[in-house]
């Protein structure tokens, strides 16, 4: 287990402090500090990353006894180690570790392979910690997509666009190209899962999160463009697909196309420009 499971710890400073140790740190017996340092050396890890059970075993006591001698909180031991002149270190928060581990799993094995147990093992935390942070597997999946998906930055682009259809579409396309190429390849893996298993429970749960975001971002912007008389009044889903699908399909197929002998592809930037021009030409209404 990680130290997040024993209550929050204060952020460790980048350099050792010369201040006097806190009362909690001063109350930690020296034998426990030495046990923590020995356990860390044996594991080749920072003290803050050593499970409490391992420290208890090194000290020759039970885990409950160790916690009682520490006053029930892990950070007292970390502070005592720091007061002894050793930086206890520490891992990233559980949420960040889990999102990164989950993204790598989706990229390598697909959305169906994502489970709380596999993420907990990769992130070096407990399943209970993941439930506490995300609430459920679906909550964790949504957090991963928020981090590695396109919507957050696209919403920013659309909220700050200068009112010019062509330049806004170009900016959205440039960001979409970055997200598709981003490692780990979360968006391509998720789209592959949607196409292969549209009725899967995990796919449906993610779609119930993605589709409203799509309508709330690109959909609302296109509706405003239609209302302003700048874009043809087509069914909204048709406008959304016409804007996103041609470029997205090219970006998803591009890694395979680049391996075809003697096939010379334009650059990604040139393709974004070409698809932007095609979309604007198809939907833009002439000015007054």
Protein backbone atom coordinates (compact mmCIF):
# COMPACT_ATOMS: atom_id res chain seq x y z
CA UNK A 1 0.00 0.00 0.00
CA UNK A 2 1.07 3.57 -0.54
CA UNK A 3 1.29 6.28 2.05
CA UNK A 4 -1.85 7.98 0.69
CA UNK A 5 -3.89 5.21 2.32
CA UNK A 6 -2.88 6.28 5.83
CA UNK A 7 -4.05 9.86 5.58
CA UNK A 8 -2.59 12.85 3.77
CA UNK A 9 1.05 13.72 4.15
CA UNK A 10 2.43 17.23 3.85
CA UNK A 11 4.34 18.00 0.71
CA UNK A 12 8.02 17.29 1.16
CA UNK A 13 10.29 20.28 0.53
CA UNK A 14 12.87 20.03 -2.22
CA UNK A 15 15.66 20.61 0.28
CA UNK A 16 16.06 19.46 3.86
CA UNK A 17 14.83 21.99 6.38
CA UNK A 18 17.06 23.31 9.10
CA UNK A 19 14.04 24.07 11.29
CA UNK A 20 13.45 22.10 14.47
CA UNK A 21 11.35 18.95 13.94
CA UNK A 22 7.66 19.09 14.80
CA UNK A 23 6.32 17.67 18.03
CA UNK A 24 4.90 14.66 16.15
CA UNK A 25 8.28 13.94 14.55
CA UNK A 26 10.11 14.34 17.85
CA UNK A 27 7.78 11.80 19.45
CA UNK A 28 8.68 9.06 16.96
CA UNK A 29 11.10 6.59 18.61
CA UNK A 30 14.52 6.34 16.98
CA UNK A 31 14.17 2.58 16.52
CA UNK A 32 11.22 3.16 14.19
CA UNK A 33 13.19 5.70 12.17
CA UNK A 34 16.05 3.22 11.85
CA UNK A 35 13.63 0.46 10.85
CA UNK A 36 12.14 2.67 8.16
CA UNK A 37 15.58 3.48 6.78
CA UNK A 38 16.58 -0.20 6.74
CA UNK A 39 13.36 -1.18 4.96
CA UNK A 40 13.93 1.55 2.39
CA UNK A 41 17.50 0.41 1.72
CA UNK A 42 16.40 -3.21 1.28
CA UNK A 43 13.75 -2.18 -1.26
CA UNK A 44 15.89 0.42 -2.98
CA UNK A 45 13.05 2.90 -2.55
CA UNK A 46 12.33 6.17 -0.79
CA UNK A 47 11.08 5.85 2.78
CA UNK A 48 7.73 7.41 1.86
CA UNK A 49 7.20 4.68 -0.75
CA UNK A 50 7.81 1.77 1.65
CA UNK A 51 4.54 0.16 2.83
CA UNK A 52 3.76 0.41 6.50
CA UNK A 53 3.62 -3.38 6.77
CA UNK A 54 7.23 -3.65 5.57
CA UNK A 55 8.38 -1.06 8.12
CA UNK A 56 6.48 -2.87 10.87
CA UNK A 57 8.14 -6.16 9.96
CA UNK A 58 11.56 -4.51 9.99
CA UNK A 59 10.81 -3.05 13.43
CA UNK A 60 9.59 -6.40 14.72
CA UNK A 61 6.10 -5.16 15.56
CA UNK A 62 2.64 -5.49 14.10
CA UNK A 63 1.29 -2.91 11.72
CA UNK A 64 -1.32 -1.80 14.26
CA UNK A 65 1.37 -1.40 16.90
CA UNK A 66 3.47 0.67 14.51
CA UNK A 67 0.57 2.99 13.75
CA UNK A 68 -0.20 3.34 17.46
CA UNK A 69 3.40 4.28 18.23
CA UNK A 70 3.25 6.86 15.42
CA UNK A 71 0.10 8.42 16.81
CA UNK A 72 -2.02 6.96 14.02
CA UNK A 73 -0.53 9.01 11.16
CA UNK A 74 2.15 8.15 8.60
CA UNK A 75 3.50 11.65 8.10
CA UNK A 76 4.97 11.73 11.63
CA UNK A 77 7.41 9.01 10.55
CA UNK A 78 8.25 10.85 7.33
CA UNK A 79 8.95 14.02 9.31
CA UNK A 80 11.12 12.10 11.77
CA UNK A 81 13.14 10.64 8.90
CA UNK A 82 13.58 14.11 7.45
CA UNK A 83 14.65 15.42 10.86
CA UNK A 84 17.29 12.65 10.90
CA UNK A 85 18.79 14.16 7.75
CA UNK A 86 17.20 11.89 5.10
CA UNK A 87 14.67 13.05 2.51
CA UNK A 88 11.76 10.57 2.75
CA UNK A 89 10.80 11.23 -0.87
CA UNK A 90 7.34 10.16 -1.97
CA UNK A 91 5.26 9.11 -4.93
CA UNK A 92 2.86 11.15 -7.01
CA UNK A 93 -0.71 11.29 -5.68
CA UNK A 94 -2.85 8.19 -6.24
CA UNK A 95 -5.07 9.98 -8.76
CA UNK A 96 -2.17 11.00 -10.99
CA UNK A 97 -0.50 7.60 -10.81
CA UNK A 98 -3.77 5.83 -11.57
CA UNK A 99 -4.63 8.05 -14.55
CA UNK A 100 -1.18 7.50 -16.06
CA UNK A 101 -1.28 3.75 -15.41
CA UNK A 102 -4.81 3.45 -16.79
CA UNK A 103 -3.89 5.37 -19.93
CA UNK A 104 -0.96 3.04 -20.57
CA UNK A 105 -3.23 0.00 -20.14
CA UNK A 106 -5.85 1.36 -22.54
CA UNK A 107 -3.16 2.17 -25.11
CA UNK A 108 -1.55 -1.26 -24.94
CA UNK A 109 -4.49 -3.60 -24.27
CA UNK A 110 -7.66 -1.66 -25.07
CA UNK A 111 -10.50 -0.24 -23.00
CA UNK A 112 -11.93 -3.69 -22.19
CA UNK A 113 -8.71 -4.62 -20.38
CA UNK A 114 -8.99 -1.70 -17.96
CA UNK A 115 -9.83 -2.79 -14.43
CA UNK A 116 -9.37 -1.32 -11.00
CA UNK A 117 -7.24 -4.29 -10.02
CA UNK A 118 -4.82 -3.90 -12.94
CA UNK A 119 -4.56 -0.15 -12.44
CA UNK A 120 -3.98 -0.59 -8.71
CA UNK A 121 -1.14 -3.03 -9.40
CA UNK A 122 0.46 -0.73 -12.00
CA UNK A 123 0.02 2.41 -9.89
CA UNK A 124 1.22 0.68 -6.70
CA UNK A 125 -1.85 1.51 -4.68
CA UNK A 126 -4.88 -0.36 -3.37
CA UNK A 127 -8.22 -0.89 -5.10
CA UNK A 128 -9.81 0.79 -2.07
CA UNK A 129 -7.76 3.92 -2.82
CA UNK A 130 -9.06 3.98 -6.40
CA UNK A 131 -12.65 3.70 -5.19
CA UNK A 132 -12.00 6.56 -2.78
CA UNK A 133 -10.56 8.76 -5.55
CA UNK A 134 -12.77 7.88 -8.55
CA UNK A 135 -15.87 6.24 -7.09
CA UNK A 136 -15.99 3.51 -9.74
CA UNK A 137 -14.26 2.09 -12.79
CA UNK A 138 -16.36 4.36 -15.01
CA UNK A 139 -15.27 7.39 -12.98
CA UNK A 140 -11.65 6.39 -13.46
CA UNK A 141 -12.18 5.89 -17.21
CA UNK A 142 -13.73 9.34 -17.51
CA UNK A 143 -10.80 10.89 -15.64
CA UNK A 144 -8.37 9.21 -18.05
CA UNK A 145 -10.30 10.48 -21.05
CA UNK A 146 -10.44 14.00 -19.61
CA UNK A 147 -6.65 13.96 -19.28
CA UNK A 148 -5.82 12.39 -22.66
CA UNK A 149 -8.86 13.34 -24.73
CA UNK A 150 -9.39 16.46 -26.84
CA UNK A 151 -12.36 18.14 -25.20
CA UNK A 152 -10.74 20.36 -22.57
CA UNK A 153 -8.51 22.24 -25.02
CA UNK A 154 -11.13 22.26 -27.77
CA UNK A 155 -13.58 23.91 -25.38
CA UNK A 156 -10.94 26.54 -24.65
CA UNK A 157 -10.35 27.13 -28.36
CA UNK A 158 -14.05 27.50 -29.09
CA UNK A 159 -14.60 29.78 -26.10
CA UNK A 160 -11.86 32.16 -27.23
CA UNK A 161 -12.18 31.97 -31.03
CA UNK A 162 -12.10 35.31 -32.85
CA UNK A 163 -15.31 34.68 -34.79
CA UNK A 164 -13.57 33.53 -37.98
CA UNK A 165 -14.82 30.08 -39.00
CA UNK A 166 -11.75 29.07 -41.00
CA UNK A 167 -9.14 29.97 -38.37
CA UNK A 168 -11.15 28.33 -35.58
CA UNK A 169 -11.49 25.07 -37.51
CA UNK A 170 -7.75 25.09 -38.22
CA UNK A 171 -6.94 25.48 -34.52
CA UNK A 172 -9.33 22.66 -33.57
CA UNK A 173 -7.79 20.39 -36.23
CA UNK A 174 -4.27 21.15 -35.08
CA UNK A 175 -5.17 20.18 -31.52
CA UNK A 176 -6.99 17.03 -32.66
CA UNK A 177 -3.87 15.96 -34.56
CA UNK A 178 -1.78 16.43 -31.41
CA UNK A 179 -4.17 14.35 -29.28
CA UNK A 180 -4.34 11.45 -31.75
CA UNK A 181 -0.54 11.27 -31.92
CA UNK A 182 -0.09 11.65 -28.16
CA UNK A 183 1.52 8.78 -26.27
CA UNK A 184 0.00 6.78 -24.71
CA UNK A 185 -2.47 6.50 -27.61
CA UNK A 186 -5.65 6.67 -25.54
CA UNK A 187 -8.00 8.28 -28.07
CA UNK A 188 -7.23 5.84 -30.93
CA UNK A 189 -7.60 2.88 -28.55
CA UNK A 190 -10.95 4.12 -27.26
CA UNK A 191 -12.29 4.81 -30.76
CA UNK A 192 -11.18 1.33 -31.86
CA UNK A 193 -13.12 -0.13 -28.93
CA UNK A 194 -16.22 1.90 -29.84
CA UNK A 195 -16.12 0.61 -33.42
CA UNK A 196 -15.37 -2.99 -32.49
CA UNK A 197 -17.72 -3.39 -29.51
CA UNK A 198 -20.35 -0.61 -29.54
CA UNK A 199 -22.67 -2.55 -27.23
CA UNK A 200 -20.06 -3.29 -24.57
CA UNK A 201 -20.95 -2.01 -21.12
CA UNK A 202 -17.66 -0.12 -20.72
CA UNK A 203 -18.04 1.44 -24.17
CA UNK A 204 -21.59 2.54 -23.43
CA UNK A 205 -20.54 4.08 -20.11
CA UNK A 206 -17.80 6.10 -21.77
CA UNK A 207 -20.08 7.10 -24.66
CA UNK A 208 -22.62 8.43 -22.17
CA UNK A 209 -19.86 10.77 -20.97
CA UNK A 210 -18.31 11.63 -24.36
CA UNK A 211 -21.42 12.39 -26.41
CA UNK A 212 -22.82 15.09 -24.09
CA UNK A 213 -19.36 16.68 -24.01
CA UNK A 214 -19.28 16.62 -27.81
CA UNK A 215 -22.63 18.38 -28.05
CA UNK A 216 -21.71 20.83 -25.29
CA UNK A 217 -18.50 21.87 -27.05
CA UNK A 218 -18.46 21.51 -30.84
CA UNK A 219 -22.24 21.13 -31.01
CA UNK A 220 -23.02 24.37 -29.19
CA UNK A 221 -20.40 26.27 -31.21
CA UNK A 222 -21.76 25.01 -34.54
CA UNK A 223 -25.32 25.81 -33.44
CA UNK A 224 -24.22 29.36 -32.68
CA UNK A 225 -22.58 29.61 -36.10
CA UNK A 226 -25.83 28.43 -37.73
CA UNK A 227 -27.86 30.94 -35.70
CA UNK A 228 -25.48 33.72 -36.76
CA UNK A 229 -26.00 32.85 -40.41
CA UNK A 230 -22.38 31.81 -41.02
CA UNK A 231 -22.97 28.05 -41.41
CA UNK A 232 -25.58 26.08 -43.35
CA UNK A 233 -28.56 24.89 -41.32
CA UNK A 234 -27.94 21.14 -41.44
CA UNK A 235 -28.79 18.54 -38.78
CA UNK A 236 -26.36 19.11 -35.94
CA UNK A 237 -25.01 15.56 -35.94
CA UNK A 238 -24.30 15.91 -39.67
CA UNK A 239 -22.31 19.10 -39.07
CA UNK A 240 -20.37 17.50 -36.21
CA UNK A 241 -19.50 14.44 -38.28
CA UNK A 242 -18.62 16.52 -41.33
CA UNK A 243 -16.26 18.58 -39.21
CA UNK A 244 -14.54 15.82 -37.26
CA UNK A 245 -14.74 12.53 -39.13
CA UNK A 246 -12.70 13.11 -42.32
CA UNK A 247 -9.62 14.39 -40.49
CA UNK A 248 -10.03 11.93 -37.64
CA UNK A 249 -10.18 8.98 -40.04
CA UNK A 250 -7.03 10.17 -41.80
CA UNK A 251 -5.17 10.60 -38.51
CA UNK A 252 -6.18 7.13 -37.32
CA UNK A 253 -5.12 5.48 -40.58
CA UNK A 254 -1.97 7.54 -41.06
CA UNK A 255 0.41 5.30 -39.03
CA UNK A 256 -0.51 2.39 -41.31
CA UNK A 257 -0.40 4.50 -44.47
CA UNK A 258 3.10 5.71 -43.63
CA UNK A 259 4.32 2.11 -43.89
CA UNK A 260 3.02 1.64 -47.44
CA UNK A 261 6.00 1.64 -49.86
CA UNK A 262 6.20 4.51 -52.33
CA UNK A 263 3.16 6.26 -50.84
CA UNK A 264 4.07 9.90 -50.29
CA UNK A 265 1.79 11.53 -47.76
CA UNK A 266 1.43 15.26 -47.26
CA UNK A 267 2.45 16.41 -43.80
CA UNK A 268 -0.08 16.39 -40.97
CA UNK A 269 -0.14 20.19 -41.10
CA UNK A 270 -0.95 20.13 -44.82
CA UNK A 271 -3.73 17.60 -44.28
CA UNK A 272 -5.23 19.68 -41.46
CA UNK A 273 -5.23 22.69 -43.77
CA UNK A 274 -6.80 20.69 -46.61
CA UNK A 275 -9.57 19.24 -44.46
CA UNK A 276 -10.26 22.64 -42.90
CA UNK A 277 -10.66 24.21 -46.32
CA UNK A 278 -12.94 21.36 -47.43
CA UNK A 279 -15.17 21.69 -44.36
CA UNK A 280 -15.46 25.46 -44.60
CA UNK A 281 -16.17 25.29 -48.34
CA UNK A 282 -18.95 22.76 -47.68
CA UNK A 283 -20.79 24.53 -44.86
CA UNK A 284 -19.93 28.24 -44.89
CA UNK A 285 -22.63 30.62 -46.06
CA UNK A 286 -21.67 33.71 -48.07
CA UNK A 287 -21.50 36.93 -46.11
CA UNK A 288 -24.15 39.63 -46.53
